[in-house]
């Protein structure tokens, strides 16, 4: 077992312990796959959200061994519509949009689906999903420990910060 394989196995074990599942292909149709994969993580691909924003999911795929998931969406209700209505959105395994934070071109709009797909692929290739996932899991665990300590202290009648 290589170090990379060991790291992947440990990360999978930690995700399972936290009750978080990796992304997987659930349908060959992106408009079905995205809501199924993102359900319980974000409302981004919920039918009501898509309807409100007059959006359609044109492509959807898991990436980075299921640690990332990206979609290409078409949104017709852009107020500054200059003809470009497609964009790539990349989610981490927790349901957080990550390409608008880490990528200098995050939130960029494209005229074609191909260009948006290429942007998603380029972002995924440049992003260290394993380190991001491990760091986020650690931060969540620390936050949960702190909250548990405050809860126990409050139940015991001790003042908490």
N, C-alpha and C. Protein backbone atom coordinates (compact mmCIF):
# COMPACT_ATOMS: atom_id res chain seq x y z
N UNK A 1 0.84 -1.18 0.00
CA UNK A 1 0.00 0.00 0.00
C UNK A 1 0.89 1.24 0.00
N UNK A 2 0.75 2.09 -1.01
CA UNK A 2 1.56 3.29 -1.09
C UNK A 2 1.04 4.34 -0.12
N UNK A 3 1.84 5.37 0.08
CA UNK A 3 1.43 6.45 0.97
C UNK A 3 0.14 7.08 0.46
N UNK A 4 0.03 7.27 -0.85
CA UNK A 4 -1.17 7.85 -1.43
C UNK A 4 -2.38 6.96 -1.18
N UNK A 5 -2.21 5.66 -1.34
CA UNK A 5 -3.30 4.73 -1.09
C UNK A 5 -3.69 4.72 0.38
N UNK A 6 -2.67 4.79 1.26
CA UNK A 6 -2.94 4.84 2.70
C UNK A 6 -3.71 6.12 3.06
N UNK A 7 -3.28 7.23 2.49
CA UNK A 7 -3.95 8.51 2.74
C UNK A 7 -5.39 8.45 2.27
N UNK A 8 -5.60 7.91 1.09
CA UNK A 8 -6.96 7.80 0.55
C UNK A 8 -7.83 6.91 1.43
N UNK A 9 -7.27 5.82 1.91
CA UNK A 9 -8.02 4.91 2.78
C UNK A 9 -8.36 5.58 4.11
N UNK A 10 -7.40 6.32 4.67
CA UNK A 10 -7.65 7.03 5.92
C UNK A 10 -8.72 8.11 5.74
N UNK A 11 -8.62 8.81 4.62
CA UNK A 11 -9.59 9.86 4.35
C UNK A 11 -10.99 9.27 4.17
N UNK A 12 -11.08 8.16 3.46
CA UNK A 12 -12.37 7.49 3.28
C UNK A 12 -12.93 7.04 4.63
N UNK A 13 -12.09 6.52 5.48
CA UNK A 13 -12.51 6.09 6.81
C UNK A 13 -13.00 7.28 7.64
N UNK A 14 -12.28 8.40 7.55
CA UNK A 14 -12.68 9.60 8.29
C UNK A 14 -14.00 10.16 7.77
N UNK A 15 -14.18 10.16 6.46
CA UNK A 15 -15.44 10.63 5.88
C UNK A 15 -16.60 9.75 6.35
N UNK A 16 -16.38 8.45 6.34
CA UNK A 16 -17.42 7.51 6.79
C UNK A 16 -17.75 7.75 8.27
N UNK A 17 -16.73 7.96 9.08
CA UNK A 17 -16.95 8.22 10.51
C UNK A 17 -17.75 9.51 10.72
N UNK A 18 -17.57 10.46 9.83
CA UNK A 18 -18.29 11.74 9.92
C UNK A 18 -19.66 11.66 9.26
N UNK A 19 -19.96 10.53 8.65
CA UNK A 19 -21.26 10.37 8.00
C UNK A 19 -21.36 11.07 6.66
N UNK A 20 -20.23 11.24 6.01
CA UNK A 20 -20.19 11.94 4.72
C UNK A 20 -19.83 10.94 3.64
N UNK A 21 -20.61 10.94 2.58
CA UNK A 21 -20.34 10.02 1.47
C UNK A 21 -19.68 10.79 0.32
N UNK A 22 -18.85 10.07 -0.40
CA UNK A 22 -18.24 10.66 -1.59
C UNK A 22 -19.31 10.77 -2.68
N UNK A 23 -19.01 11.60 -3.67
CA UNK A 23 -19.89 11.71 -4.82
C UNK A 23 -19.74 10.47 -5.68
N UNK A 24 -20.82 10.09 -6.33
CA UNK A 24 -20.78 8.95 -7.25
C UNK A 24 -21.74 9.20 -8.39
N UNK A 25 -21.54 8.50 -9.48
CA UNK A 25 -22.43 8.64 -10.61
C UNK A 25 -23.73 7.93 -10.27
N UNK A 26 -24.82 8.67 -10.26
CA UNK A 26 -26.12 8.12 -9.91
C UNK A 26 -27.05 8.08 -11.10
N UNK A 27 -26.74 8.84 -12.13
CA UNK A 27 -27.56 8.86 -13.33
C UNK A 27 -26.69 9.33 -14.49
N UNK A 28 -27.03 8.88 -15.68
CA UNK A 28 -26.27 9.36 -16.85
C UNK A 28 -26.82 10.70 -17.35
N UNK A 29 -27.90 11.16 -16.74
CA UNK A 29 -28.49 12.45 -17.10
C UNK A 29 -28.09 13.49 -16.05
N UNK A 30 -27.38 14.54 -16.45
CA UNK A 30 -26.88 15.52 -15.48
C UNK A 30 -27.99 16.17 -14.66
N UNK A 31 -29.15 16.40 -15.26
CA UNK A 31 -30.24 17.05 -14.52
C UNK A 31 -30.80 16.15 -13.42
N UNK A 32 -30.53 14.85 -13.48
CA UNK A 32 -30.91 13.92 -12.41
C UNK A 32 -29.74 13.63 -11.47
N UNK A 33 -28.54 13.54 -12.04
CA UNK A 33 -27.36 13.20 -11.25
C UNK A 33 -27.02 14.28 -10.23
N UNK A 34 -27.07 15.53 -10.65
CA UNK A 34 -26.68 16.63 -9.76
C UNK A 34 -27.57 16.73 -8.52
N UNK A 35 -28.89 16.76 -8.66
CA UNK A 35 -29.70 16.85 -7.44
C UNK A 35 -29.50 15.65 -6.50
N UNK A 36 -29.31 14.46 -7.08
CA UNK A 36 -29.12 13.27 -6.24
C UNK A 36 -27.80 13.34 -5.48
N UNK A 37 -26.75 13.80 -6.14
CA UNK A 37 -25.44 13.89 -5.48
C UNK A 37 -25.36 15.04 -4.48
N UNK A 38 -26.02 16.14 -4.78
CA UNK A 38 -25.91 17.32 -3.93
C UNK A 38 -26.98 17.40 -2.85
N UNK A 39 -27.95 16.51 -2.90
CA UNK A 39 -29.03 16.49 -1.91
C UNK A 39 -28.45 16.30 -0.51
N UNK A 40 -28.88 17.12 0.41
CA UNK A 40 -28.40 17.04 1.79
C UNK A 40 -27.08 17.78 2.00
N UNK A 41 -26.49 18.28 0.93
CA UNK A 41 -25.22 19.01 1.05
C UNK A 41 -25.42 20.49 0.73
N UNK A 42 -26.27 20.77 -0.26
CA UNK A 42 -26.55 22.14 -0.69
C UNK A 42 -27.88 22.14 -1.44
N UNK A 43 -28.49 23.29 -1.52
CA UNK A 43 -29.75 23.42 -2.26
C UNK A 43 -29.50 23.89 -3.70
N UNK A 44 -28.27 23.97 -4.09
CA UNK A 44 -27.88 24.53 -5.38
C UNK A 44 -28.61 23.85 -6.55
N UNK A 45 -28.76 22.55 -6.50
CA UNK A 45 -29.35 21.82 -7.63
C UNK A 45 -30.77 21.33 -7.35
N UNK A 46 -31.38 21.82 -6.28
CA UNK A 46 -32.76 21.46 -6.01
C UNK A 46 -33.66 22.00 -7.12
N UNK A 47 -34.70 21.28 -7.50
CA UNK A 47 -35.59 21.74 -8.57
C UNK A 47 -36.16 23.14 -8.31
N UNK A 48 -36.49 23.44 -7.07
CA UNK A 48 -37.05 24.76 -6.75
C UNK A 48 -36.02 25.87 -6.97
N UNK A 49 -34.79 25.62 -6.59
CA UNK A 49 -33.72 26.61 -6.77
C UNK A 49 -33.46 26.83 -8.25
N UNK A 50 -33.37 25.74 -9.00
CA UNK A 50 -33.14 25.87 -10.43
C UNK A 50 -34.28 26.64 -11.10
N UNK A 51 -35.49 26.34 -10.72
CA UNK A 51 -36.66 27.02 -11.29
C UNK A 51 -36.62 28.51 -10.95
N UNK A 52 -36.30 28.85 -9.70
CA UNK A 52 -36.26 30.25 -9.28
C UNK A 52 -35.26 31.05 -10.12
N UNK A 53 -34.09 30.47 -10.35
CA UNK A 53 -33.04 31.17 -11.10
C UNK A 53 -33.13 30.93 -12.60
N UNK A 54 -34.16 30.21 -13.03
CA UNK A 54 -34.33 29.86 -14.44
C UNK A 54 -33.06 29.22 -14.98
N UNK A 55 -32.55 28.27 -14.20
CA UNK A 55 -31.28 27.62 -14.52
C UNK A 55 -31.51 26.18 -14.97
N UNK A 56 -30.58 25.69 -15.76
CA UNK A 56 -30.58 24.29 -16.18
C UNK A 56 -29.19 23.73 -15.96
N UNK A 57 -29.12 22.48 -15.59
CA UNK A 57 -27.83 21.81 -15.44
C UNK A 57 -27.55 21.08 -16.75
N UNK A 58 -26.46 21.48 -17.41
CA UNK A 58 -26.11 20.94 -18.72
C UNK A 58 -25.14 19.78 -18.62
N UNK A 59 -24.32 19.78 -17.59
CA UNK A 59 -23.35 18.71 -17.38
C UNK A 59 -23.08 18.59 -15.89
N UNK A 60 -22.79 17.38 -15.45
CA UNK A 60 -22.51 17.14 -14.03
C UNK A 60 -21.64 15.90 -13.92
N UNK A 61 -20.57 16.01 -13.13
CA UNK A 61 -19.63 14.89 -13.00
C UNK A 61 -18.92 14.91 -11.65
N UNK A 62 -18.61 13.71 -11.17
CA UNK A 62 -17.76 13.59 -9.98
C UNK A 62 -16.32 13.72 -10.45
N UNK A 63 -15.46 14.12 -9.53
CA UNK A 63 -14.04 14.27 -9.85
C UNK A 63 -13.23 13.97 -8.59
N UNK A 64 -11.93 13.85 -8.76
CA UNK A 64 -11.01 13.64 -7.64
C UNK A 64 -11.46 12.47 -6.76
N UNK A 65 -11.74 11.35 -7.39
CA UNK A 65 -12.16 10.13 -6.69
C UNK A 65 -13.39 10.36 -5.82
N UNK A 66 -14.30 11.22 -6.30
CA UNK A 66 -15.54 11.47 -5.58
C UNK A 66 -15.46 12.54 -4.52
N UNK A 67 -14.31 13.20 -4.36
CA UNK A 67 -14.18 14.27 -3.37
C UNK A 67 -14.70 15.60 -3.90
N UNK A 68 -14.80 15.72 -5.22
CA UNK A 68 -15.30 16.93 -5.85
C UNK A 68 -16.42 16.57 -6.81
N UNK A 69 -17.27 17.54 -7.09
CA UNK A 69 -18.37 17.36 -8.03
C UNK A 69 -18.53 18.68 -8.76
N UNK A 70 -18.61 18.63 -10.08
CA UNK A 70 -18.79 19.86 -10.81
C UNK A 70 -19.99 19.79 -11.74
N UNK A 71 -20.56 20.96 -11.92
CA UNK A 71 -21.68 21.09 -12.84
C UNK A 71 -21.39 22.23 -13.80
N UNK A 72 -22.02 22.17 -14.95
CA UNK A 72 -22.08 23.31 -15.86
C UNK A 72 -23.55 23.69 -15.90
N UNK A 73 -23.81 24.94 -15.57
CA UNK A 73 -25.18 25.41 -15.56
C UNK A 73 -25.39 26.50 -16.59
N UNK A 74 -26.61 26.59 -17.05
CA UNK A 74 -27.04 27.65 -17.93
C UNK A 74 -28.08 28.44 -17.16
N UNK A 75 -27.85 29.74 -17.04
CA UNK A 75 -28.78 30.60 -16.31
C UNK A 75 -29.26 31.70 -17.24
N UNK A 76 -30.56 31.78 -17.43
CA UNK A 76 -31.13 32.76 -18.34
C UNK A 76 -31.48 34.07 -17.66
N UNK A 77 -31.45 34.09 -16.33
CA UNK A 77 -31.92 35.27 -15.61
C UNK A 77 -30.78 36.18 -15.16
N UNK A 78 -29.67 36.17 -15.87
CA UNK A 78 -28.55 37.04 -15.50
C UNK A 78 -28.88 38.49 -15.82
N UNK A 79 -28.79 39.38 -14.84
CA UNK A 79 -29.13 40.78 -15.11
C UNK A 79 -28.14 41.47 -16.04
N UNK A 80 -26.88 41.05 -16.01
CA UNK A 80 -25.86 41.68 -16.86
C UNK A 80 -25.54 40.80 -18.06
N UNK A 81 -26.56 40.14 -18.58
CA UNK A 81 -26.38 39.16 -19.64
C UNK A 81 -25.74 39.78 -20.87
N UNK A 82 -24.54 39.32 -21.18
CA UNK A 82 -23.87 39.75 -22.38
C UNK A 82 -23.79 38.61 -23.38
N UNK A 83 -24.65 37.65 -23.26
CA UNK A 83 -24.65 36.51 -24.16
C UNK A 83 -24.02 35.27 -23.55
N UNK A 84 -23.19 35.45 -22.54
CA UNK A 84 -22.56 34.31 -21.90
C UNK A 84 -23.43 33.87 -20.73
N UNK A 85 -23.97 32.68 -20.80
CA UNK A 85 -24.90 32.24 -19.77
C UNK A 85 -24.52 30.91 -19.14
N UNK A 86 -23.31 30.44 -19.39
CA UNK A 86 -22.90 29.16 -18.82
C UNK A 86 -21.71 29.37 -17.88
N UNK A 87 -21.73 28.59 -16.81
CA UNK A 87 -20.58 28.64 -15.91
C UNK A 87 -20.39 27.29 -15.25
N UNK A 88 -19.16 27.07 -14.82
CA UNK A 88 -18.81 25.85 -14.10
C UNK A 88 -18.85 26.15 -12.61
N UNK A 89 -19.41 25.22 -11.86
CA UNK A 89 -19.46 25.35 -10.41
C UNK A 89 -18.91 24.04 -9.84
N UNK A 90 -17.90 24.14 -8.97
CA UNK A 90 -17.27 22.97 -8.38
C UNK A 90 -17.58 22.95 -6.89
N UNK A 91 -18.04 21.78 -6.41
CA UNK A 91 -18.40 21.59 -5.01
C UNK A 91 -17.41 20.63 -4.35
N UNK A 92 -17.13 20.86 -3.08
CA UNK A 92 -16.38 19.86 -2.32
C UNK A 92 -17.36 18.84 -1.77
N UNK A 93 -16.87 17.82 -1.12
CA UNK A 93 -17.69 16.72 -0.63
C UNK A 93 -18.68 17.17 0.45
N UNK A 94 -18.49 18.37 0.97
CA UNK A 94 -19.38 18.92 1.99
C UNK A 94 -20.51 19.75 1.39
N UNK A 95 -20.42 20.01 0.07
CA UNK A 95 -21.45 20.78 -0.61
C UNK A 95 -21.12 22.25 -0.76
N UNK A 96 -19.90 22.62 -0.42
CA UNK A 96 -19.47 24.01 -0.51
C UNK A 96 -18.94 24.30 -1.91
N UNK A 97 -19.35 25.42 -2.48
CA UNK A 97 -18.80 25.85 -3.77
C UNK A 97 -17.37 26.30 -3.53
N UNK A 98 -16.43 25.68 -4.22
CA UNK A 98 -15.02 26.01 -3.95
C UNK A 98 -14.33 26.78 -5.07
N UNK A 99 -14.83 26.70 -6.29
CA UNK A 99 -14.09 27.37 -7.35
C UNK A 99 -14.30 28.88 -7.36
N UNK A 100 -15.30 29.40 -6.66
CA UNK A 100 -15.44 30.85 -6.60
C UNK A 100 -14.53 31.45 -5.53
N UNK A 101 -13.98 30.60 -4.67
CA UNK A 101 -13.10 31.09 -3.61
C UNK A 101 -11.62 30.92 -3.96
N UNK A 102 -11.29 29.78 -4.53
CA UNK A 102 -9.88 29.46 -4.75
C UNK A 102 -9.39 29.84 -6.14
N UNK A 103 -10.27 29.98 -7.08
CA UNK A 103 -9.89 30.21 -8.46
C UNK A 103 -10.06 31.69 -8.80
N UNK A 104 -9.04 32.24 -9.41
CA UNK A 104 -9.12 33.66 -9.79
C UNK A 104 -10.23 33.90 -10.81
N UNK A 105 -10.62 32.87 -11.55
CA UNK A 105 -11.67 33.05 -12.55
C UNK A 105 -13.00 32.52 -12.05
N UNK A 106 -13.12 32.25 -10.75
CA UNK A 106 -14.36 31.73 -10.19
C UNK A 106 -15.53 32.63 -10.52
N UNK A 107 -16.64 32.02 -10.85
CA UNK A 107 -17.83 32.78 -11.18
C UNK A 107 -17.82 33.32 -12.60
N UNK A 108 -16.81 32.97 -13.39
CA UNK A 108 -16.72 33.46 -14.75
C UNK A 108 -17.77 32.80 -15.63
N UNK A 109 -18.34 33.58 -16.51
CA UNK A 109 -19.37 33.10 -17.42
C UNK A 109 -18.78 32.82 -18.79
N UNK A 110 -19.33 31.83 -19.45
CA UNK A 110 -18.84 31.41 -20.77
C UNK A 110 -19.98 31.36 -21.76
N UNK A 111 -19.62 31.51 -23.02
CA UNK A 111 -20.65 31.47 -24.07
C UNK A 111 -21.00 30.05 -24.47
N UNK A 112 -20.08 29.10 -24.26
CA UNK A 112 -20.35 27.73 -24.67
C UNK A 112 -20.18 26.77 -23.49
N UNK A 113 -20.86 25.65 -23.60
CA UNK A 113 -20.75 24.60 -22.59
C UNK A 113 -19.33 24.04 -22.57
N UNK A 114 -18.73 23.87 -23.75
CA UNK A 114 -17.36 23.33 -23.82
C UNK A 114 -16.37 24.17 -23.03
N UNK A 115 -16.48 25.49 -23.15
CA UNK A 115 -15.55 26.36 -22.42
C UNK A 115 -15.76 26.24 -20.91
N UNK A 116 -17.01 26.14 -20.50
CA UNK A 116 -17.29 25.97 -19.07
C UNK A 116 -16.77 24.62 -18.57
N UNK A 117 -16.95 23.57 -19.38
CA UNK A 117 -16.42 22.25 -19.01
C UNK A 117 -14.91 22.29 -18.88
N UNK A 118 -14.25 22.94 -19.82
CA UNK A 118 -12.79 23.06 -19.76
C UNK A 118 -12.34 23.81 -18.51
N UNK A 119 -13.09 24.84 -18.13
CA UNK A 119 -12.76 25.59 -16.92
C UNK A 119 -12.91 24.71 -15.68
N UNK A 120 -13.96 23.91 -15.65
CA UNK A 120 -14.16 23.00 -14.51
C UNK A 120 -13.03 21.99 -14.43
N UNK A 121 -12.68 21.40 -15.55
CA UNK A 121 -11.59 20.41 -15.57
C UNK A 121 -10.27 21.03 -15.13
N UNK A 122 -9.99 22.23 -15.63
CA UNK A 122 -8.74 22.91 -15.27
C UNK A 122 -8.70 23.20 -13.77
N UNK A 123 -9.81 23.64 -13.23
CA UNK A 123 -9.85 23.91 -11.80
C UNK A 123 -9.61 22.64 -11.00
N UNK A 124 -10.31 21.57 -11.35
CA UNK A 124 -10.18 20.29 -10.63
C UNK A 124 -8.74 19.80 -10.67
N UNK A 125 -8.09 19.91 -11.82
CA UNK A 125 -6.70 19.46 -11.96
C UNK A 125 -5.75 20.29 -11.10
N UNK A 126 -6.07 21.56 -10.88
CA UNK A 126 -5.18 22.43 -10.12
C UNK A 126 -5.46 22.41 -8.62
N UNK A 127 -6.53 21.77 -8.20
CA UNK A 127 -6.98 21.82 -6.82
C UNK A 127 -6.58 20.55 -6.08
N UNK A 128 -6.05 20.68 -4.88
CA UNK A 128 -5.66 19.53 -4.05
C UNK A 128 -6.86 19.12 -3.19
N UNK A 129 -7.68 18.24 -3.73
CA UNK A 129 -8.92 17.84 -3.07
C UNK A 129 -8.66 17.06 -1.79
N UNK A 130 -7.62 16.25 -1.77
CA UNK A 130 -7.33 15.43 -0.59
C UNK A 130 -6.96 16.32 0.60
N UNK A 131 -6.05 17.26 0.39
CA UNK A 131 -5.64 18.16 1.47
C UNK A 131 -6.81 19.03 1.92
N UNK A 132 -7.57 19.55 0.96
CA UNK A 132 -8.73 20.38 1.29
C UNK A 132 -9.74 19.60 2.15
N UNK A 133 -10.03 18.37 1.74
CA UNK A 133 -11.00 17.55 2.46
C UNK A 133 -10.51 17.23 3.87
N UNK A 134 -9.25 16.84 3.98
CA UNK A 134 -8.68 16.50 5.29
C UNK A 134 -8.68 17.73 6.21
N UNK A 135 -8.27 18.87 5.69
CA UNK A 135 -8.23 20.09 6.50
C UNK A 135 -9.64 20.50 6.95
N UNK A 136 -10.61 20.39 6.06
CA UNK A 136 -11.98 20.75 6.40
C UNK A 136 -12.55 19.78 7.44
N UNK A 137 -12.25 18.49 7.29
CA UNK A 137 -12.71 17.51 8.28
C UNK A 137 -12.12 17.80 9.66
N UNK A 138 -10.83 18.13 9.70
CA UNK A 138 -10.18 18.46 10.96
C UNK A 138 -10.82 19.69 11.60
N UNK A 139 -11.06 20.71 10.82
CA UNK A 139 -11.68 21.94 11.34
C UNK A 139 -13.07 21.66 11.88
N UNK A 140 -13.85 20.85 11.16
CA UNK A 140 -15.20 20.49 11.63
C UNK A 140 -15.13 19.69 12.93
N UNK A 141 -14.17 18.77 13.01
CA UNK A 141 -14.04 17.95 14.22
C UNK A 141 -13.67 18.83 15.41
N UNK A 142 -12.74 19.78 15.21
CA UNK A 142 -12.37 20.69 16.29
C UNK A 142 -13.57 21.52 16.75
N UNK A 143 -14.34 22.02 15.78
CA UNK A 143 -15.52 22.81 16.11
C UNK A 143 -16.54 21.97 16.89
N UNK A 144 -16.73 20.72 16.47
CA UNK A 144 -17.66 19.84 17.18
C UNK A 144 -17.18 19.54 18.59
N UNK A 145 -15.87 19.36 18.77
CA UNK A 145 -15.32 19.12 20.11
C UNK A 145 -15.56 20.33 21.00
N UNK A 146 -15.30 21.52 20.47
CA UNK A 146 -15.51 22.75 21.25
C UNK A 146 -16.99 22.90 21.64
N UNK A 147 -17.87 22.61 20.71
CA UNK A 147 -19.30 22.72 21.00
C UNK A 147 -19.72 21.69 22.06
N UNK A 148 -19.19 20.49 21.97
CA UNK A 148 -19.50 19.46 22.97
C UNK A 148 -19.01 19.87 24.35
N UNK A 149 -17.80 20.43 24.42
CA UNK A 149 -17.27 20.90 25.70
C UNK A 149 -18.15 21.98 26.30
N UNK A 150 -18.60 22.93 25.48
CA UNK A 150 -19.48 24.00 25.97
C UNK A 150 -20.81 23.43 26.44
N UNK A 151 -21.32 22.45 25.72
CA UNK A 151 -22.59 21.83 26.09
C UNK A 151 -22.47 21.12 27.43
N UNK A 152 -21.42 20.32 27.61
CA UNK A 152 -21.22 19.62 28.88
C UNK A 152 -21.00 20.60 30.03
N UNK A 153 -20.26 21.67 29.76
CA UNK A 153 -20.03 22.68 30.80
C UNK A 153 -21.35 23.34 31.20
N UNK A 154 -22.17 23.66 30.24
CA UNK A 154 -23.46 24.30 30.53
C UNK A 154 -24.35 23.34 31.32
N UNK A 155 -24.34 22.07 30.98
CA UNK A 155 -25.14 21.10 31.72
C UNK A 155 -24.65 20.92 33.15
N UNK A 156 -23.35 21.11 33.35
CA UNK A 156 -22.77 20.99 34.69
C UNK A 156 -22.89 22.28 35.48
N UNK A 157 -23.40 23.34 34.84
CA UNK A 157 -23.59 24.61 35.53
C UNK A 157 -22.35 25.47 35.57
N UNK A 158 -21.38 25.18 34.73
CA UNK A 158 -20.16 26.00 34.68
C UNK A 158 -20.32 27.05 33.59
N UNK A 159 -19.71 28.19 33.80
CA UNK A 159 -19.74 29.26 32.81
C UNK A 159 -18.90 28.86 31.60
N UNK A 160 -19.34 29.23 30.43
CA UNK A 160 -18.61 28.93 29.21
C UNK A 160 -18.33 30.21 28.44
N UNK A 161 -17.35 30.15 27.61
CA UNK A 161 -16.97 31.30 26.77
C UNK A 161 -17.64 31.21 25.44
